Amino acid sequence: MAEGNGTKDDPWRLTTAPGSSTYTMYRDDATEPPLLVCQVGSTKLTYLARAVDDLHTWLVAQGDWVPLGAADENKAAADGTVEAFGRATDNPVGGWYGQRKGYRGRFGMYLPPLLEALGRAELTHEARNNSVRGLA
């Protein structure tokens, strides 16, 4: 289970798959559309809140482990990865889930640990090359 309840006053406290960084995330329903606000040190990233359900649905449909493939916005995402799904023109939102220009990447780094904490995915925790699979 996730530490925190996912609000601004009590955000989820998460750790990246390799365990190398901690960050917080909360759902902001006061925005239109609702956003996930991810705070990594002094950097704030935002993702469409629907990414939780959309990513879970996609992972379950894949039926197996999917590489995370985390990459910054200006780097190409490897095909078949969570990162590629998070910016694909054929995903449910037709492109980027990340909303802050210049900080739209790293979908594969920060969303899978949230799904794991919410009991919706299983995540590997190796030093590199982690994968995730959706739980039905």
C-alpha atoms as a PDB file:
ATOM      1  CA  MET A   1       0.000   0.000   0.000  1.00  0.00           C
ATOM      2  CA  ALA A   2       1.061   3.564  -0.626  1.00  0.00           C
ATOM      3  CA  GLU A   3       2.206   5.811   2.186  1.00  0.00           C
ATOM      4  CA  GLY A   4       0.084   8.948   2.133  1.00  0.00           C
ATOM      5  CA  ASN A   5      -3.412   9.335   0.773  1.00  0.00           C
ATOM      6  CA  GLY A   6      -2.573  11.117  -2.479  1.00  0.00           C
ATOM      7  CA  THR A   7      -3.699  14.619  -1.515  1.00  0.00           C
ATOM      8  CA  LYS A   8      -1.609  17.782  -1.567  1.00  0.00           C
ATOM      9  CA  ASP A   9      -1.513  17.770   2.252  1.00  0.00           C
ATOM     10  CA  ASP A  10      -0.657  14.044   2.439  1.00  0.00           C
ATOM     11  CA  PRO A  11       0.968  13.007  -0.867  1.00  0.00           C
ATOM     12  CA  TRP A  12       1.967   9.485  -1.741  1.00  0.00           C
ATOM     13  CA  ARG A  13       5.607   8.935  -0.757  1.00  0.00           C
ATOM     14  CA  LEU A  14       7.231   6.784  -3.418  1.00  0.00           C
ATOM     15  CA  THR A  15      10.590   5.374  -4.455  1.00  0.00           C
ATOM     16  CA  THR A  16      11.798   4.768  -8.009  1.00  0.00           C
ATOM     17  CA  ALA A  17      12.062   1.134  -9.129  1.00  0.00           C
ATOM     18  CA  PRO A  18      15.840   0.876  -8.496  1.00  0.00           C
ATOM     19  CA  GLY A  19      15.340   2.440  -5.054  1.00  0.00           C
ATOM     20  CA  SER A  20      17.733   5.267  -5.922  1.00  0.00           C
ATOM     21  CA  SER A  21      15.364   8.244  -5.497  1.00  0.00           C
ATOM     22  CA  THR A  22      12.355   9.167  -3.422  1.00  0.00           C
ATOM     23  CA  TYR A  23       9.601  11.511  -4.549  1.00  0.00           C
ATOM     24  CA  THR A  24       6.044  12.500  -3.742  1.00  0.00           C
ATOM     25  CA  MET A  25       2.950  12.520  -5.890  1.00  0.00           C
ATOM     26  CA  TYR A  26      -0.611  13.670  -5.373  1.00  0.00           C
ATOM     27  CA  ARG A  27      -3.785  13.993  -7.389  1.00  0.00           C
ATOM     28  CA  ASP A  28      -4.991  17.545  -8.008  1.00  0.00           C
ATOM     29  CA  ASP A  29      -8.690  17.465  -8.897  1.00  0.00           C
ATOM     30  CA  ALA A  30      -8.934  21.267  -8.757  1.00  0.00           C
ATOM     31  CA  THR A  31      -7.335  21.485 -12.202  1.00  0.00           C
ATOM     32  CA  GLU A  32      -9.108  20.822 -15.481  1.00  0.00           C
ATOM     33  CA  PRO A  33      -8.246  18.189 -16.465  1.00  0.00           C
ATOM     34  CA  PRO A  34      -7.195  16.623 -13.110  1.00  0.00           C
ATOM     35  CA  LEU A  35      -3.432  16.162 -12.772  1.00  0.00           C
ATOM     36  CA  LEU A  36      -0.925  14.082 -10.887  1.00  0.00           C
ATOM     37  CA  VAL A  37       1.685  16.385  -9.389  1.00  0.00           C
ATOM     38  CA  CYS A  38       5.067  14.721  -8.960  1.00  0.00           C
ATOM     39  CA  GLN A  39       7.681  16.459  -6.808  1.00  0.00           C
ATOM     40  CA  VAL A  40      11.254  15.211  -7.261  1.00  0.00           C
ATOM     41  CA  GLY A  41      13.558  17.362  -5.159  1.00  0.00           C
ATOM     42  CA  SER A  42      12.968  20.906  -6.411  1.00  0.00           C
ATOM     43  CA  THR A  43      11.535  19.706  -9.753  1.00  0.00           C
ATOM     44  CA  LYS A  44       7.782  19.539 -10.283  1.00  0.00           C
ATOM     45  CA  LEU A  45       6.361  17.356 -13.037  1.00  0.00           C
ATOM     46  CA  THR A  46       2.699  16.974 -13.897  1.00  0.00           C
ATOM     47  CA  TYR A  47       0.886  14.164 -15.652  1.00  0.00           C
ATOM     48  CA  LEU A  48      -2.755  13.727 -16.599  1.00  0.00           C
ATOM     49  CA  ALA A  49      -4.399  11.934 -13.658  1.00  0.00           C
ATOM     50  CA  ARG A  50      -6.144   9.519 -15.990  1.00  0.00           C
ATOM     51  CA  ALA A  51      -2.691   8.032 -16.647  1.00  0.00           C
ATOM     52  CA  VAL A  52      -3.175   5.726 -13.647  1.00  0.00           C
ATOM     53  CA  ASP A  53      -6.205   3.992 -15.181  1.00  0.00           C
ATOM     54  CA  ASP A  54      -4.954   4.186 -18.768  1.00  0.00           C
ATOM     55  CA  LEU A  55      -1.528   2.739 -17.926  1.00  0.00           C
ATOM     56  CA  HIS A  56      -3.063  -0.025 -15.812  1.00  0.00           C
ATOM     57  CA  THR A  57      -5.440  -0.987 -18.633  1.00  0.00           C
ATOM     58  CA  TRP A  58      -2.587  -1.013 -21.152  1.00  0.00           C
ATOM     59  CA  LEU A  59      -0.315  -3.083 -18.897  1.00  0.00           C
ATOM     60  CA  VAL A  60      -3.022  -5.699 -18.284  1.00  0.00           C
ATOM     61  CA  ALA A  61      -3.613  -5.892 -22.056  1.00  0.00           C
ATOM     62  CA  GLN A  62       0.110  -6.534 -22.629  1.00  0.00           C
ATOM     63  CA  GLY A  63      -0.209  -9.691 -20.515  1.00  0.00           C
ATOM     64  CA  ASP A  64       3.458  -9.821 -19.501  1.00  0.00           C
ATOM     65  CA  TRP A  65       6.352  -7.786 -18.162  1.00  0.00           C
ATOM     66  CA  VAL A  66       6.942  -4.468 -19.944  1.00  0.00           C
ATOM     67  CA  PRO A  67      10.255  -2.554 -19.704  1.00  0.00           C
ATOM     68  CA  LEU A  68       9.991   0.885 -18.071  1.00  0.00           C
ATOM     69  CA  GLY A  69      12.260   2.642 -20.570  1.00  0.00           C
ATOM     70  CA  ALA A  70      12.275   5.947 -18.667  1.00  0.00           C
ATOM     71  CA  ALA A  71      13.678   8.814 -20.737  1.00  0.00           C
ATOM     72  CA  ASP A  72      13.741  12.595 -20.648  1.00  0.00           C
ATOM     73  CA  GLU A  73      11.381  14.425 -22.986  1.00  0.00           C
ATOM     74  CA  ASN A  74      14.098  15.247 -25.514  1.00  0.00           C
ATOM     75  CA  LYS A  75      15.239  11.608 -25.829  1.00  0.00           C
ATOM     76  CA  ALA A  76      13.455   8.982 -27.891  1.00  0.00           C
ATOM     77  CA  ALA A  77      11.560   6.313 -25.987  1.00  0.00           C
ATOM     78  CA  ALA A  78      12.334   2.696 -26.844  1.00  0.00           C
ATOM     79  CA  ASP A  79       9.469   0.884 -28.565  1.00  0.00           C
ATOM     80  CA  GLY A  80       7.269  -1.287 -26.372  1.00  0.00           C
ATOM     81  CA  THR A  81       8.169   0.466 -23.126  1.00  0.00           C
ATOM     82  CA  VAL A  82       6.017   2.255 -20.555  1.00  0.00           C
ATOM     83  CA  GLU A  83       7.765   5.479 -21.571  1.00  0.00           C
ATOM     84  CA  ALA A  84       6.770   4.955 -25.214  1.00  0.00           C
ATOM     85  CA  PHE A  85       3.138   4.374 -24.179  1.00  0.00           C
ATOM     86  CA  GLY A  86       3.215   7.615 -22.164  1.00  0.00           C
ATOM     87  CA  ARG A  87       3.896   9.676 -25.281  1.00  0.00           C
ATOM     88  CA  ALA A  88       2.453   7.591 -28.141  1.00  0.00           C
ATOM     89  CA  THR A  89       0.045   9.188 -30.583  1.00  0.00           C
ATOM     90  CA  ASP A  90      -2.136   6.060 -30.375  1.00  0.00           C
ATOM     91  CA  ASN A  91      -2.508   6.035 -26.567  1.00  0.00           C
ATOM     92  CA  PRO A  92      -5.918   7.045 -25.102  1.00  0.00           C
ATOM     93  CA  VAL A  93      -4.991  10.760 -24.949  1.00  0.00           C
ATOM     94  CA  GLY A  94      -3.262  10.835 -28.337  1.00  0.00           C
ATOM     95  CA  GLY A  95       0.169  11.855 -27.063  1.00  0.00           C
ATOM     96  CA  TRP A  96       1.937  13.056 -23.931  1.00  0.00           C
ATOM     97  CA  TYR A  97       0.518  12.362 -20.470  1.00  0.00           C
ATOM     98  CA  GLY A  98       3.221  14.708 -19.160  1.00  0.00           C
ATOM     99  CA  GLN A  99       1.910  18.270 -19.132  1.00  0.00           C
ATOM    100  CA  ARG A 100       4.822  20.527 -18.231  1.00  0.00           C
ATOM    101  CA  LYS A 101       6.756  21.430 -21.388  1.00  0.00           C
ATOM    102  CA  GLY A 102      10.386  20.427 -21.017  1.00  0.00           C
ATOM    103  CA  TYR A 103       9.446  17.974 -18.218  1.00  0.00           C
ATOM    104  CA  ARG A 104       6.961  15.713 -20.010  1.00  0.00           C
ATOM    105  CA  GLY A 105       9.201  12.637 -19.997  1.00  0.00           C
ATOM    106  CA  ARG A 106      10.105  10.211 -17.229  1.00  0.00           C
ATOM    107  CA  PHE A 107       6.607   8.691 -17.366  1.00  0.00           C
ATOM    108  CA  GLY A 108       8.261   5.262 -17.134  1.00  0.00           C
ATOM    109  CA  MET A 109      10.187   6.332 -14.048  1.00  0.00           C
ATOM    110  CA  TYR A 110       7.468   7.871 -11.892  1.00  0.00           C
ATOM    111  CA  LEU A 111       4.112   6.248 -12.821  1.00  0.00           C
ATOM    112  CA  PRO A 112       4.897   2.522 -12.344  1.00  0.00           C
ATOM    113  CA  PRO A 113       5.868   2.866  -8.643  1.00  0.00           C
ATOM    114  CA  LEU A 114       2.531   4.617  -8.034  1.00  0.00           C
ATOM    115  CA  LEU A 115       0.639   1.758  -9.698  1.00  0.00           C
ATOM    116  CA  GLU A 116       2.584  -0.719  -7.564  1.00  0.00           C
ATOM    117  CA  ALA A 117       1.826   1.247  -4.380  1.00  0.00           C
ATOM    118  CA  LEU A 118      -1.865   1.291  -5.313  1.00  0.00           C
ATOM    119  CA  GLY A 119      -1.830  -2.505  -5.791  1.00  0.00           C
ATOM    120  CA  ARG A 120      -2.461  -2.272  -9.533  1.00  0.00           C
ATOM    121  CA  ALA A 121       0.935  -3.460 -10.822  1.00  0.00           C
ATOM    122  CA  GLU A 122       3.988  -5.494  -9.918  1.00  0.00           C
ATOM    123  CA  LEU A 123       7.404  -3.899 -10.433  1.00  0.00           C
ATOM    124  CA  THR A 124      10.941  -5.271 -10.494  1.00  0.00           C
ATOM    125  CA  HIS A 125      13.496  -3.499  -8.312  1.00  0.00           C
ATOM    126  CA  GLU A 126      16.871  -4.064  -9.960  1.00  0.00           C
ATOM    127  CA  ALA A 127      19.663  -1.504 -10.278  1.00  0.00           C
ATOM    128  CA  ARG A 128      18.814  -1.083 -13.995  1.00  0.00           C
ATOM    129  CA  ASN A 129      16.411  -2.235 -16.697  1.00  0.00           C
ATOM    130  CA  ASN A 130      13.284  -2.641 -14.562  1.00  0.00           C
ATOM    131  CA  SER A 131       9.935  -3.900 -15.803  1.00  0.00           C
ATOM    132  CA  VAL A 132       6.314  -3.743 -14.710  1.00  0.00           C
ATOM    133  CA  ARG A 133       3.218  -5.854 -15.251  1.00  0.00           C
ATOM    134  CA  GLY A 134      -0.375  -4.975 -14.591  1.00  0.00           C
ATOM    135  CA  LEU A 135      -2.403  -6.852 -12.016  1.00  0.00           C
ATOM    136  CA  ALA A 136      -5.941  -7.709 -13.076  1.00  0.00           C
END
